[in-house]
Amino acid sequence: MTTVERSEAMDHLERLAAQLEAHSFQVRLTAPAGLYPRLRVVNPMEPTMAEDVLASSGGDGEWWYWLSWAGRIGHASDVVTAAERIASVLHVIRR
C-alpha cells in the first residue's frame, strides 16, 4: 500500500467511524506499520460483538469497505449503507 493509498484508506475509515459513532458503536482507528489501516468497531452493549473493518481499492479502482475476513461490505462512497450493514453484523439478538 502506497502512502497515498494509506492516507485515502484512513480518510474513508474516518468517515465510516463518524457514522458508526452516530449509531452508538465504539470505534478505534489504527494504522499499524506494514499493515492496512483498520477500524475496530465494538457493540458497547455486547463487547464480544466486534469486527475490524478495512478500506481498500478493488481491482476496479473503486474504494470499498471490507470485513477483516475479506467480506465486502459496500462501496466507500455510500458510508450510510456500509454503517448499516456493519451494525446488522454486530447486532445482538436478545432472547
N, C-alpha and C. Protein backbone atom coordinates (compact mmCIF):
# COMPACT_ATOMS: atom_id res chain seq x y z
N MET A 1 0.86 -1.17 0.00
CA MET A 1 0.00 0.00 0.00
C MET A 1 0.90 1.23 0.00
N THR A 2 0.66 2.13 -0.95
CA THR A 2 1.45 3.36 -1.03
C THR A 2 1.02 4.33 0.06
N THR A 3 1.82 5.36 0.25
CA THR A 3 1.49 6.39 1.24
C THR A 3 0.18 7.09 0.88
N VAL A 4 -0.02 7.35 -0.41
CA VAL A 4 -1.26 8.00 -0.86
C VAL A 4 -2.46 7.09 -0.60
N GLU A 5 -2.32 5.79 -0.92
CA GLU A 5 -3.41 4.84 -0.67
C GLU A 5 -3.70 4.72 0.82
N ARG A 6 -2.65 4.71 1.62
CA ARG A 6 -2.81 4.62 3.08
C ARG A 6 -3.60 5.83 3.59
N SER A 7 -3.25 7.00 3.10
CA SER A 7 -3.95 8.23 3.50
C SER A 7 -5.42 8.19 3.07
N GLU A 8 -5.67 7.73 1.86
CA GLU A 8 -7.05 7.65 1.38
C GLU A 8 -7.85 6.63 2.18
N ALA A 9 -7.22 5.50 2.51
CA ALA A 9 -7.90 4.49 3.34
C ALA A 9 -8.27 5.09 4.70
N MET A 10 -7.35 5.84 5.29
CA MET A 10 -7.63 6.47 6.59
C MET A 10 -8.81 7.44 6.47
N ASP A 11 -8.85 8.22 5.39
CA ASP A 11 -9.95 9.16 5.19
C ASP A 11 -11.29 8.43 5.12
N HIS A 12 -11.33 7.34 4.35
CA HIS A 12 -12.58 6.57 4.24
C HIS A 12 -12.99 5.99 5.59
N LEU A 13 -12.02 5.47 6.33
CA LEU A 13 -12.32 4.87 7.63
C LEU A 13 -12.77 5.93 8.65
N GLU A 14 -12.20 7.13 8.57
CA GLU A 14 -12.63 8.20 9.48
C GLU A 14 -14.09 8.58 9.23
N ARG A 15 -14.49 8.62 7.96
CA ARG A 15 -15.89 8.93 7.64
C ARG A 15 -16.82 7.83 8.16
N LEU A 16 -16.38 6.58 8.00
CA LEU A 16 -17.19 5.47 8.49
C LEU A 16 -17.26 5.49 10.02
N ALA A 17 -16.15 5.81 10.67
CA ALA A 17 -16.13 5.89 12.13
C ALA A 17 -17.15 6.90 12.64
N ALA A 18 -17.22 8.05 12.00
CA ALA A 18 -18.18 9.08 12.42
C ALA A 18 -19.61 8.57 12.29
N GLN A 19 -19.89 7.87 11.22
CA GLN A 19 -21.24 7.33 11.00
C GLN A 19 -21.58 6.27 12.06
N LEU A 20 -20.61 5.41 12.36
CA LEU A 20 -20.85 4.35 13.35
C LEU A 20 -20.99 4.90 14.76
N GLU A 21 -20.23 5.94 15.08
CA GLU A 21 -20.37 6.57 16.39
C GLU A 21 -21.77 7.17 16.54
N ALA A 22 -22.32 7.66 15.46
CA ALA A 22 -23.69 8.20 15.49
C ALA A 22 -24.70 7.10 15.79
N HIS A 23 -24.32 5.84 15.52
CA HIS A 23 -25.17 4.68 15.82
C HIS A 23 -24.80 4.07 17.17
N SER A 24 -24.00 4.77 17.97
CA SER A 24 -23.61 4.37 19.33
C SER A 24 -22.61 3.22 19.38
N PHE A 25 -21.90 2.96 18.31
CA PHE A 25 -20.84 1.96 18.35
C PHE A 25 -19.56 2.61 18.83
N GLN A 26 -18.72 1.82 19.49
CA GLN A 26 -17.39 2.28 19.87
C GLN A 26 -16.46 1.98 18.71
N VAL A 27 -15.60 2.93 18.37
CA VAL A 27 -14.69 2.73 17.24
C VAL A 27 -13.28 3.15 17.63
N ARG A 28 -12.31 2.51 17.00
CA ARG A 28 -10.90 2.87 17.21
C ARG A 28 -10.17 2.67 15.89
N LEU A 29 -9.61 3.73 15.36
CA LEU A 29 -8.88 3.68 14.10
C LEU A 29 -7.40 3.48 14.39
N THR A 30 -6.81 2.47 13.78
CA THR A 30 -5.39 2.20 13.95
C THR A 30 -4.73 2.04 12.59
N ALA A 31 -3.44 2.33 12.55
CA ALA A 31 -2.68 2.19 11.31
C ALA A 31 -1.33 1.55 11.64
N PRO A 32 -1.34 0.24 11.94
CA PRO A 32 -0.10 -0.44 12.29
C PRO A 32 0.91 -0.40 11.14
N ALA A 33 2.16 -0.21 11.47
CA ALA A 33 3.21 -0.18 10.44
C ALA A 33 3.21 -1.48 9.65
N GLY A 34 3.24 -1.35 8.34
CA GLY A 34 3.29 -2.52 7.47
C GLY A 34 1.97 -3.21 7.23
N LEU A 35 0.90 -2.73 7.86
CA LEU A 35 -0.42 -3.33 7.69
C LEU A 35 -1.41 -2.28 7.20
N TYR A 36 -2.52 -2.75 6.67
CA TYR A 36 -3.58 -1.83 6.25
C TYR A 36 -4.17 -1.14 7.47
N PRO A 37 -4.53 0.15 7.34
CA PRO A 37 -5.26 0.80 8.43
C PRO A 37 -6.57 0.05 8.67
N ARG A 38 -7.03 0.06 9.90
CA ARG A 38 -8.25 -0.67 10.23
C ARG A 38 -9.06 0.09 11.27
N LEU A 39 -10.33 -0.15 11.22
CA LEU A 39 -11.26 0.45 12.16
C LEU A 39 -11.85 -0.67 13.00
N ARG A 40 -11.57 -0.63 14.29
CA ARG A 40 -12.15 -1.61 15.22
C ARG A 40 -13.51 -1.08 15.63
N VAL A 41 -14.55 -1.87 15.41
CA VAL A 41 -15.92 -1.48 15.73
C VAL A 41 -16.45 -2.44 16.77
N VAL A 42 -16.96 -1.90 17.88
CA VAL A 42 -17.42 -2.71 19.00
C VAL A 42 -18.84 -2.30 19.37
N ASN A 43 -19.70 -3.30 19.57
CA ASN A 43 -21.04 -3.05 20.08
C ASN A 43 -20.91 -2.88 21.60
N PRO A 44 -21.15 -1.68 22.13
CA PRO A 44 -20.93 -1.45 23.56
C PRO A 44 -21.87 -2.24 24.46
N MET A 45 -23.00 -2.70 23.92
CA MET A 45 -23.93 -3.50 24.72
C MET A 45 -23.47 -4.95 24.84
N GLU A 46 -22.58 -5.36 23.95
CA GLU A 46 -22.03 -6.72 23.97
C GLU A 46 -20.64 -6.65 23.34
N PRO A 47 -19.63 -6.32 24.16
CA PRO A 47 -18.28 -6.08 23.64
C PRO A 47 -17.65 -7.25 22.88
N THR A 48 -18.19 -8.45 23.05
CA THR A 48 -17.66 -9.57 22.26
C THR A 48 -18.10 -9.47 20.81
N MET A 49 -19.09 -8.64 20.55
CA MET A 49 -19.54 -8.40 19.17
C MET A 49 -18.69 -7.26 18.61
N ALA A 50 -17.61 -7.64 17.93
CA ALA A 50 -16.66 -6.65 17.41
C ALA A 50 -16.12 -7.12 16.07
N GLU A 51 -15.65 -6.19 15.30
CA GLU A 51 -15.11 -6.52 13.98
C GLU A 51 -14.11 -5.45 13.56
N ASP A 52 -13.11 -5.88 12.80
CA ASP A 52 -12.17 -4.95 12.18
C ASP A 52 -12.63 -4.70 10.75
N VAL A 53 -12.65 -3.44 10.36
CA VAL A 53 -13.08 -3.04 9.02
C VAL A 53 -11.90 -2.37 8.33
N LEU A 54 -11.71 -2.69 7.07
CA LEU A 54 -10.65 -2.10 6.27
C LEU A 54 -11.27 -1.36 5.09
N ALA A 55 -10.52 -0.43 4.52
CA ALA A 55 -10.91 0.25 3.29
C ALA A 55 -9.79 0.01 2.29
N SER A 56 -10.17 -0.40 1.10
CA SER A 56 -9.17 -0.69 0.09
C SER A 56 -9.76 -0.52 -1.29
N SER A 57 -8.90 -0.17 -2.24
CA SER A 57 -9.38 -0.05 -3.61
C SER A 57 -9.38 -1.44 -4.23
N GLY A 58 -10.44 -1.74 -4.95
CA GLY A 58 -10.55 -3.03 -5.61
C GLY A 58 -9.85 -3.00 -6.96
N GLY A 59 -9.91 -4.09 -7.66
CA GLY A 59 -9.31 -4.18 -8.98
C GLY A 59 -9.93 -3.20 -9.97
N ASP A 60 -11.11 -2.69 -9.62
CA ASP A 60 -11.80 -1.74 -10.48
C ASP A 60 -11.40 -0.29 -10.21
N GLY A 61 -10.47 -0.08 -9.25
CA GLY A 61 -10.03 1.26 -8.91
C GLY A 61 -10.95 1.98 -7.95
N GLU A 62 -12.08 1.38 -7.62
CA GLU A 62 -13.03 1.97 -6.67
C GLU A 62 -12.67 1.55 -5.25
N TRP A 63 -13.04 2.39 -4.29
CA TRP A 63 -12.77 2.09 -2.89
C TRP A 63 -13.96 1.39 -2.26
N TRP A 64 -13.66 0.37 -1.45
CA TRP A 64 -14.68 -0.46 -0.80
C TRP A 64 -14.32 -0.64 0.67
N TYR A 65 -15.35 -0.88 1.48
CA TYR A 65 -15.15 -1.29 2.87
C TYR A 65 -15.21 -2.81 2.91
N TRP A 66 -14.34 -3.38 3.74
CA TRP A 66 -14.23 -4.84 3.85
C TRP A 66 -14.22 -5.26 5.31
N LEU A 67 -14.84 -6.39 5.62
CA LEU A 67 -14.67 -7.01 6.93
C LEU A 67 -13.30 -7.68 6.94
N SER A 68 -12.76 -7.91 8.10
CA SER A 68 -11.39 -8.43 8.21
C SER A 68 -11.21 -9.79 7.55
N TRP A 69 -12.28 -10.54 7.38
CA TRP A 69 -12.19 -11.86 6.76
C TRP A 69 -12.50 -11.79 5.27
N ALA A 70 -12.30 -10.60 4.67
CA ALA A 70 -12.43 -10.36 3.23
C ALA A 70 -13.87 -10.35 2.74
N GLY A 71 -14.81 -10.09 3.63
CA GLY A 71 -16.20 -9.93 3.21
C GLY A 71 -16.43 -8.48 2.81
N ARG A 72 -16.80 -8.26 1.56
CA ARG A 72 -17.01 -6.89 1.09
C ARG A 72 -18.31 -6.35 1.68
N ILE A 73 -18.22 -5.18 2.31
CA ILE A 73 -19.37 -4.54 2.96
C ILE A 73 -20.12 -3.66 1.98
N GLY A 74 -19.40 -2.79 1.32
CA GLY A 74 -20.04 -1.88 0.40
C GLY A 74 -19.09 -0.82 -0.11
N HIS A 75 -19.57 -0.05 -1.05
CA HIS A 75 -18.77 0.99 -1.69
C HIS A 75 -18.47 2.11 -0.68
N ALA A 76 -17.25 2.60 -0.69
CA ALA A 76 -16.84 3.63 0.27
C ALA A 76 -17.56 4.96 0.06
N SER A 77 -18.16 5.15 -1.11
CA SER A 77 -18.90 6.40 -1.34
C SER A 77 -20.27 6.38 -0.66
N ASP A 78 -20.70 5.20 -0.19
CA ASP A 78 -22.01 5.07 0.48
C ASP A 78 -21.80 4.67 1.94
N VAL A 79 -21.33 5.63 2.71
CA VAL A 79 -20.98 5.38 4.11
C VAL A 79 -22.19 4.97 4.94
N VAL A 80 -23.35 5.54 4.66
CA VAL A 80 -24.55 5.22 5.43
C VAL A 80 -24.91 3.75 5.29
N THR A 81 -24.94 3.25 4.07
CA THR A 81 -25.28 1.83 3.85
C THR A 81 -24.22 0.93 4.48
N ALA A 82 -22.95 1.29 4.34
CA ALA A 82 -21.88 0.48 4.94
C ALA A 82 -22.05 0.40 6.45
N ALA A 83 -22.35 1.53 7.09
CA ALA A 83 -22.55 1.54 8.54
C ALA A 83 -23.75 0.69 8.94
N GLU A 84 -24.82 0.75 8.16
CA GLU A 84 -26.00 -0.07 8.45
C GLU A 84 -25.67 -1.56 8.34
N ARG A 85 -24.88 -1.93 7.36
CA ARG A 85 -24.51 -3.34 7.20
C ARG A 85 -23.62 -3.81 8.34
N ILE A 86 -22.70 -2.98 8.76
CA ILE A 86 -21.84 -3.34 9.89
C ILE A 86 -22.69 -3.46 11.15
N ALA A 87 -23.61 -2.53 11.35
CA ALA A 87 -24.49 -2.59 12.51
C ALA A 87 -25.29 -3.88 12.52
N SER A 88 -25.73 -4.34 11.36
CA SER A 88 -26.51 -5.59 11.31
C SER A 88 -25.64 -6.79 11.64
N VAL A 89 -24.37 -6.74 11.29
CA VAL A 89 -23.45 -7.84 11.63
C VAL A 89 -23.19 -7.88 13.14
N LEU A 90 -23.10 -6.71 13.76
CA LEU A 90 -22.77 -6.63 15.19
C LEU A 90 -23.99 -6.49 16.09
N HIS A 91 -25.16 -6.66 15.53
CA HIS A 91 -26.40 -6.55 16.28
C HIS A 91 -26.56 -7.74 17.23
N VAL A 92 -26.98 -7.47 18.43
CA VAL A 92 -27.22 -8.52 19.42
C VAL A 92 -28.70 -8.84 19.43
N ILE A 93 -29.02 -10.10 19.24
CA ILE A 93 -30.41 -10.56 19.30
C ILE A 93 -30.68 -11.05 20.71
N ARG A 94 -31.59 -10.41 21.38
CA ARG A 94 -31.96 -10.81 22.75
C ARG A 94 -33.03 -11.88 22.70
N ARG A 95 -32.88 -12.91 23.50
CA ARG A 95 -33.87 -14.00 23.55
C ARG A 95 -34.53 -14.04 24.89
